[in-house]
């Protein structure tokens, strides 16, 4: 098994407005992108389970073949910058993706 962190060129998260965080998993080669999408290790259900959130908090989930990317957006629990927001820029939320094993 290889991890997503080893296969992807970029794994990141970032603020997507006051109430969302968006995630990008981008690959260098089409073959690697297709390997990951075929494996179905990243789906709406698996992402929700990985981040321990209900699927209803996933605003979008897209396999974007032209960009060799898997992209998804989650609704924040509270508005960005509000009291109790642990990551105002949303840039520290991607870490769980790095250890996802890909057959």
N, C-alpha and C. Protein backbone atom coordinates (compact mmCIF):
# COMPACT_ATOMS: atom_id res chain seq x y z
N UNK A 1 0.84 -1.19 0.00
CA UNK A 1 0.00 0.00 0.00
C UNK A 1 0.88 1.25 0.00
N UNK A 2 0.39 2.24 -0.68
CA UNK A 2 1.04 3.54 -0.73
C UNK A 2 0.05 4.55 -0.18
N UNK A 3 0.54 5.60 0.44
CA UNK A 3 -0.37 6.60 0.99
C UNK A 3 -0.64 7.70 -0.03
N UNK A 4 -1.73 8.37 0.19
CA UNK A 4 -2.11 9.49 -0.66
C UNK A 4 -1.04 10.58 -0.61
N UNK A 5 -0.46 10.78 0.57
CA UNK A 5 0.60 11.77 0.71
C UNK A 5 1.81 11.47 -0.15
N UNK A 6 2.07 10.19 -0.41
CA UNK A 6 3.19 9.80 -1.26
C UNK A 6 2.86 9.92 -2.74
N UNK A 7 1.60 9.74 -3.09
CA UNK A 7 1.19 9.74 -4.49
C UNK A 7 0.86 11.12 -5.05
N UNK A 8 0.33 11.99 -4.21
CA UNK A 8 -0.15 13.28 -4.69
C UNK A 8 0.97 14.31 -4.78
N UNK A 9 0.84 15.17 -5.77
CA UNK A 9 1.76 16.31 -5.89
C UNK A 9 1.42 17.34 -4.82
N UNK A 10 0.12 17.55 -4.62
CA UNK A 10 -0.35 18.55 -3.68
C UNK A 10 -1.55 18.01 -2.92
N UNK A 11 -1.53 18.19 -1.61
CA UNK A 11 -2.70 17.92 -0.76
C UNK A 11 -2.83 19.17 0.10
N UNK A 12 -3.96 19.86 -0.03
CA UNK A 12 -4.10 21.12 0.71
C UNK A 12 -5.55 21.38 1.07
N UNK A 13 -5.70 22.26 2.02
CA UNK A 13 -7.01 22.78 2.38
C UNK A 13 -6.87 24.29 2.51
N UNK A 14 -7.99 24.98 2.29
CA UNK A 14 -7.95 26.43 2.40
C UNK A 14 -9.36 26.97 2.60
N UNK A 15 -9.40 28.18 3.10
CA UNK A 15 -10.65 28.87 3.33
C UNK A 15 -11.40 29.03 2.01
N UNK A 16 -12.69 28.81 2.04
CA UNK A 16 -13.52 28.99 0.84
C UNK A 16 -14.72 29.86 1.19
N UNK A 17 -14.44 30.95 1.83
CA UNK A 17 -15.50 31.84 2.27
C UNK A 17 -15.71 31.70 3.77
N UNK A 18 -16.65 32.40 4.27
CA UNK A 18 -16.86 32.45 5.71
C UNK A 18 -17.37 31.14 6.31
N UNK A 19 -18.00 30.30 5.48
CA UNK A 19 -18.61 29.10 6.03
C UNK A 19 -18.15 27.78 5.41
N UNK A 20 -17.06 27.80 4.63
CA UNK A 20 -16.60 26.57 3.97
C UNK A 20 -15.08 26.46 4.00
N UNK A 21 -14.62 25.21 3.91
CA UNK A 21 -13.21 24.90 3.72
C UNK A 21 -13.14 23.97 2.51
N UNK A 22 -12.25 24.25 1.59
CA UNK A 22 -12.12 23.43 0.39
C UNK A 22 -10.80 22.66 0.43
N UNK A 23 -10.81 21.49 -0.15
CA UNK A 23 -9.66 20.58 -0.16
C UNK A 23 -9.33 20.22 -1.60
N UNK A 24 -8.02 20.13 -1.88
CA UNK A 24 -7.54 19.73 -3.20
C UNK A 24 -6.52 18.62 -3.04
N UNK A 25 -6.68 17.57 -3.83
CA UNK A 25 -5.68 16.51 -3.93
C UNK A 25 -5.33 16.46 -5.41
N UNK A 26 -4.10 16.87 -5.73
CA UNK A 26 -3.70 17.04 -7.13
C UNK A 26 -2.53 16.10 -7.45
N UNK A 27 -2.59 15.49 -8.63
CA UNK A 27 -1.60 14.50 -9.04
C UNK A 27 -0.78 15.01 -10.22
N UNK A 28 0.42 14.47 -10.37
CA UNK A 28 1.30 14.83 -11.50
C UNK A 28 0.93 14.07 -12.77
N UNK A 29 0.62 12.79 -12.60
CA UNK A 29 0.37 11.93 -13.76
C UNK A 29 -1.07 11.43 -13.79
N UNK A 30 -1.59 11.30 -15.00
CA UNK A 30 -2.95 10.78 -15.18
C UNK A 30 -3.07 9.37 -14.59
N UNK A 31 -2.04 8.55 -14.79
CA UNK A 31 -2.07 7.18 -14.28
C UNK A 31 -2.29 7.14 -12.77
N UNK A 32 -1.62 8.00 -12.04
CA UNK A 32 -1.77 8.05 -10.58
C UNK A 32 -3.15 8.55 -10.20
N UNK A 33 -3.61 9.61 -10.87
CA UNK A 33 -4.96 10.12 -10.64
C UNK A 33 -5.99 9.02 -10.84
N UNK A 34 -5.88 8.29 -11.94
CA UNK A 34 -6.83 7.22 -12.24
C UNK A 34 -6.72 6.07 -11.24
N UNK A 35 -5.52 5.77 -10.80
CA UNK A 35 -5.34 4.72 -9.78
C UNK A 35 -6.13 5.08 -8.51
N UNK A 36 -5.99 6.32 -8.09
CA UNK A 36 -6.67 6.74 -6.86
C UNK A 36 -8.18 6.78 -7.05
N UNK A 37 -8.65 7.32 -8.17
CA UNK A 37 -10.10 7.39 -8.37
C UNK A 37 -10.70 5.99 -8.52
N UNK A 38 -9.99 5.09 -9.22
CA UNK A 38 -10.48 3.69 -9.36
C UNK A 38 -10.54 2.98 -8.01
N UNK A 39 -9.61 3.30 -7.14
CA UNK A 39 -9.56 2.62 -5.84
C UNK A 39 -10.73 3.00 -4.94
N UNK A 40 -11.35 4.15 -5.22
CA UNK A 40 -12.48 4.65 -4.44
C UNK A 40 -12.13 4.88 -2.97
N UNK A 41 -10.88 5.21 -2.70
CA UNK A 41 -10.51 5.53 -1.31
C UNK A 41 -10.98 6.93 -0.93
N UNK A 42 -11.24 7.77 -1.94
CA UNK A 42 -11.81 9.09 -1.68
C UNK A 42 -13.15 9.19 -2.37
N UNK A 43 -14.19 9.12 -1.57
CA UNK A 43 -15.57 9.27 -2.02
C UNK A 43 -16.26 10.18 -1.01
N UNK A 44 -17.46 10.57 -1.31
CA UNK A 44 -18.20 11.40 -0.33
C UNK A 44 -18.26 10.67 1.02
N UNK A 45 -18.59 9.40 0.97
CA UNK A 45 -18.74 8.63 2.22
C UNK A 45 -17.41 8.47 2.96
N UNK A 46 -16.34 8.16 2.23
CA UNK A 46 -15.06 7.94 2.90
C UNK A 46 -14.50 9.24 3.47
N UNK A 47 -14.70 10.35 2.77
CA UNK A 47 -14.24 11.64 3.28
C UNK A 47 -15.02 12.01 4.55
N UNK A 48 -16.32 11.81 4.52
CA UNK A 48 -17.13 12.10 5.71
C UNK A 48 -16.66 11.24 6.89
N UNK A 49 -16.39 9.98 6.65
CA UNK A 49 -15.91 9.11 7.72
C UNK A 49 -14.53 9.54 8.21
N UNK A 50 -13.64 9.88 7.28
CA UNK A 50 -12.29 10.29 7.63
C UNK A 50 -12.28 11.54 8.51
N UNK A 51 -13.14 12.49 8.19
CA UNK A 51 -13.20 13.74 8.95
C UNK A 51 -14.23 13.71 10.07
N UNK A 52 -14.88 12.54 10.22
CA UNK A 52 -15.87 12.34 11.29
C UNK A 52 -16.97 13.40 11.27
N UNK A 53 -17.51 13.56 10.06
CA UNK A 53 -18.61 14.51 9.88
C UNK A 53 -19.74 13.81 9.12
N UNK A 54 -20.96 14.28 9.25
CA UNK A 54 -22.04 13.70 8.45
C UNK A 54 -21.87 14.12 6.98
N UNK A 55 -22.30 13.27 6.06
CA UNK A 55 -22.19 13.60 4.64
C UNK A 55 -22.90 14.90 4.30
N UNK A 56 -23.87 15.29 5.08
CA UNK A 56 -24.59 16.54 4.83
C UNK A 56 -23.68 17.76 4.96
N UNK A 57 -22.53 17.63 5.62
CA UNK A 57 -21.58 18.75 5.72
C UNK A 57 -20.68 18.86 4.49
N UNK A 58 -20.77 17.91 3.57
CA UNK A 58 -20.01 18.01 2.32
C UNK A 58 -20.83 18.83 1.32
N UNK A 59 -20.30 20.00 0.97
CA UNK A 59 -21.00 20.86 0.02
C UNK A 59 -20.80 20.36 -1.41
N UNK A 60 -19.57 19.93 -1.71
CA UNK A 60 -19.22 19.47 -3.06
C UNK A 60 -18.21 18.35 -2.97
N UNK A 61 -18.21 17.48 -3.98
CA UNK A 61 -17.19 16.45 -4.13
C UNK A 61 -17.04 16.20 -5.62
N UNK A 62 -15.84 16.46 -6.17
CA UNK A 62 -15.64 16.37 -7.61
C UNK A 62 -14.34 15.65 -7.94
N UNK A 63 -14.43 14.67 -8.83
CA UNK A 63 -13.24 14.10 -9.45
C UNK A 63 -13.05 14.92 -10.73
N UNK A 64 -12.01 15.76 -10.75
CA UNK A 64 -11.81 16.70 -11.84
C UNK A 64 -10.68 16.21 -12.74
N UNK A 65 -11.03 15.34 -13.68
CA UNK A 65 -10.05 14.69 -14.55
C UNK A 65 -9.17 15.67 -15.34
N UNK A 66 -9.72 16.77 -15.90
CA UNK A 66 -8.85 17.68 -16.66
C UNK A 66 -7.70 18.26 -15.83
N UNK A 67 -7.91 18.41 -14.52
CA UNK A 67 -6.88 18.95 -13.64
C UNK A 67 -6.15 17.89 -12.84
N UNK A 68 -6.46 16.60 -13.11
CA UNK A 68 -5.88 15.48 -12.35
C UNK A 68 -6.05 15.71 -10.86
N UNK A 69 -7.25 16.09 -10.46
CA UNK A 69 -7.50 16.48 -9.07
C UNK A 69 -8.80 15.90 -8.53
N UNK A 70 -8.80 15.71 -7.24
CA UNK A 70 -10.01 15.38 -6.49
C UNK A 70 -10.22 16.57 -5.57
N UNK A 71 -11.41 17.14 -5.64
CA UNK A 71 -11.69 18.35 -4.89
C UNK A 71 -12.99 18.17 -4.11
N UNK A 72 -12.98 18.66 -2.88
CA UNK A 72 -14.22 18.64 -2.12
C UNK A 72 -14.25 19.81 -1.15
N UNK A 73 -15.44 20.17 -0.74
CA UNK A 73 -15.65 21.32 0.14
C UNK A 73 -16.57 20.89 1.27
N UNK A 74 -16.20 21.31 2.48
CA UNK A 74 -17.06 21.02 3.64
C UNK A 74 -17.55 22.33 4.25
N UNK A 75 -18.73 22.24 4.82
CA UNK A 75 -19.26 23.37 5.58
C UNK A 75 -18.57 23.40 6.94
N UNK A 76 -18.15 24.57 7.37
CA UNK A 76 -17.54 24.74 8.68
C UNK A 76 -18.59 24.56 9.78
N UNK A 77 -18.13 24.22 10.96
CA UNK A 77 -19.04 24.13 12.11
C UNK A 77 -19.45 25.51 12.59
N UNK A 78 -18.56 26.47 12.41
CA UNK A 78 -18.83 27.86 12.81
C UNK A 78 -18.14 28.78 11.82
N UNK A 79 -18.59 30.00 11.69
CA UNK A 79 -17.99 30.91 10.71
C UNK A 79 -16.49 31.15 10.95
N UNK A 80 -15.76 31.31 9.87
CA UNK A 80 -14.33 31.59 9.93
C UNK A 80 -14.07 32.82 10.79
N UNK A 81 -13.16 32.68 11.74
CA UNK A 81 -12.77 33.81 12.59
C UNK A 81 -13.66 34.04 13.78
N UNK A 82 -14.73 33.28 13.90
CA UNK A 82 -15.61 33.46 15.04
C UNK A 82 -15.00 32.80 16.28
N UNK A 83 -15.54 33.12 17.42
CA UNK A 83 -15.05 32.54 18.68
C UNK A 83 -15.09 31.01 18.58
N UNK A 84 -13.99 30.38 18.91
CA UNK A 84 -13.91 28.93 18.89
C UNK A 84 -13.46 28.34 17.56
N UNK A 85 -13.27 29.17 16.53
CA UNK A 85 -12.79 28.66 15.24
C UNK A 85 -11.32 28.28 15.38
N UNK A 86 -10.99 27.00 15.19
CA UNK A 86 -9.62 26.56 15.42
C UNK A 86 -8.65 26.85 14.26
N UNK A 87 -9.15 27.22 13.09
CA UNK A 87 -8.27 27.40 11.93
C UNK A 87 -8.91 28.43 11.00
N UNK A 88 -8.64 29.69 11.25
CA UNK A 88 -9.29 30.79 10.53
C UNK A 88 -9.10 30.69 9.01
N UNK A 89 -7.93 30.21 8.56
CA UNK A 89 -7.66 30.12 7.14
C UNK A 89 -7.99 28.76 6.55
N UNK A 90 -8.35 27.79 7.39
CA UNK A 90 -8.70 26.46 6.91
C UNK A 90 -7.54 25.69 6.34
N UNK A 91 -6.32 26.16 6.55
CA UNK A 91 -5.15 25.57 5.87
C UNK A 91 -4.50 24.42 6.63
N UNK A 92 -5.05 24.06 7.78
CA UNK A 92 -4.45 22.97 8.55
C UNK A 92 -5.38 21.76 8.67
N UNK A 93 -6.35 21.66 7.80
CA UNK A 93 -7.36 20.61 7.90
C UNK A 93 -7.08 19.39 7.03
N UNK A 94 -6.10 19.45 6.16
CA UNK A 94 -5.86 18.39 5.18
C UNK A 94 -5.11 17.18 5.74
N UNK A 95 -4.49 17.28 6.89
CA UNK A 95 -3.59 16.24 7.41
C UNK A 95 -4.16 14.82 7.37
N UNK A 96 -5.42 14.58 7.72
CA UNK A 96 -5.92 13.20 7.69
C UNK A 96 -5.83 12.55 6.30
N UNK A 97 -5.83 13.35 5.25
CA UNK A 97 -5.77 12.81 3.89
C UNK A 97 -4.41 12.17 3.58
N UNK A 98 -3.36 12.66 4.20
CA UNK A 98 -2.01 12.20 3.88
C UNK A 98 -1.79 10.71 4.13
N UNK A 99 -2.45 10.17 5.15
CA UNK A 99 -2.25 8.78 5.52
C UNK A 99 -3.26 7.81 4.93
N UNK A 100 -4.13 8.29 4.05
CA UNK A 100 -5.10 7.39 3.40
C UNK A 100 -4.32 6.41 2.54
N UNK A 101 -4.55 5.12 2.76
CA UNK A 101 -3.83 4.08 2.00
C UNK A 101 -4.54 3.80 0.68
N UNK A 102 -3.72 3.72 -0.38
CA UNK A 102 -4.23 3.46 -1.72
C UNK A 102 -3.66 2.14 -2.21
N UNK A 103 -4.54 1.17 -2.53
CA UNK A 103 -4.03 -0.12 -3.02
C UNK A 103 -3.41 -0.01 -4.41
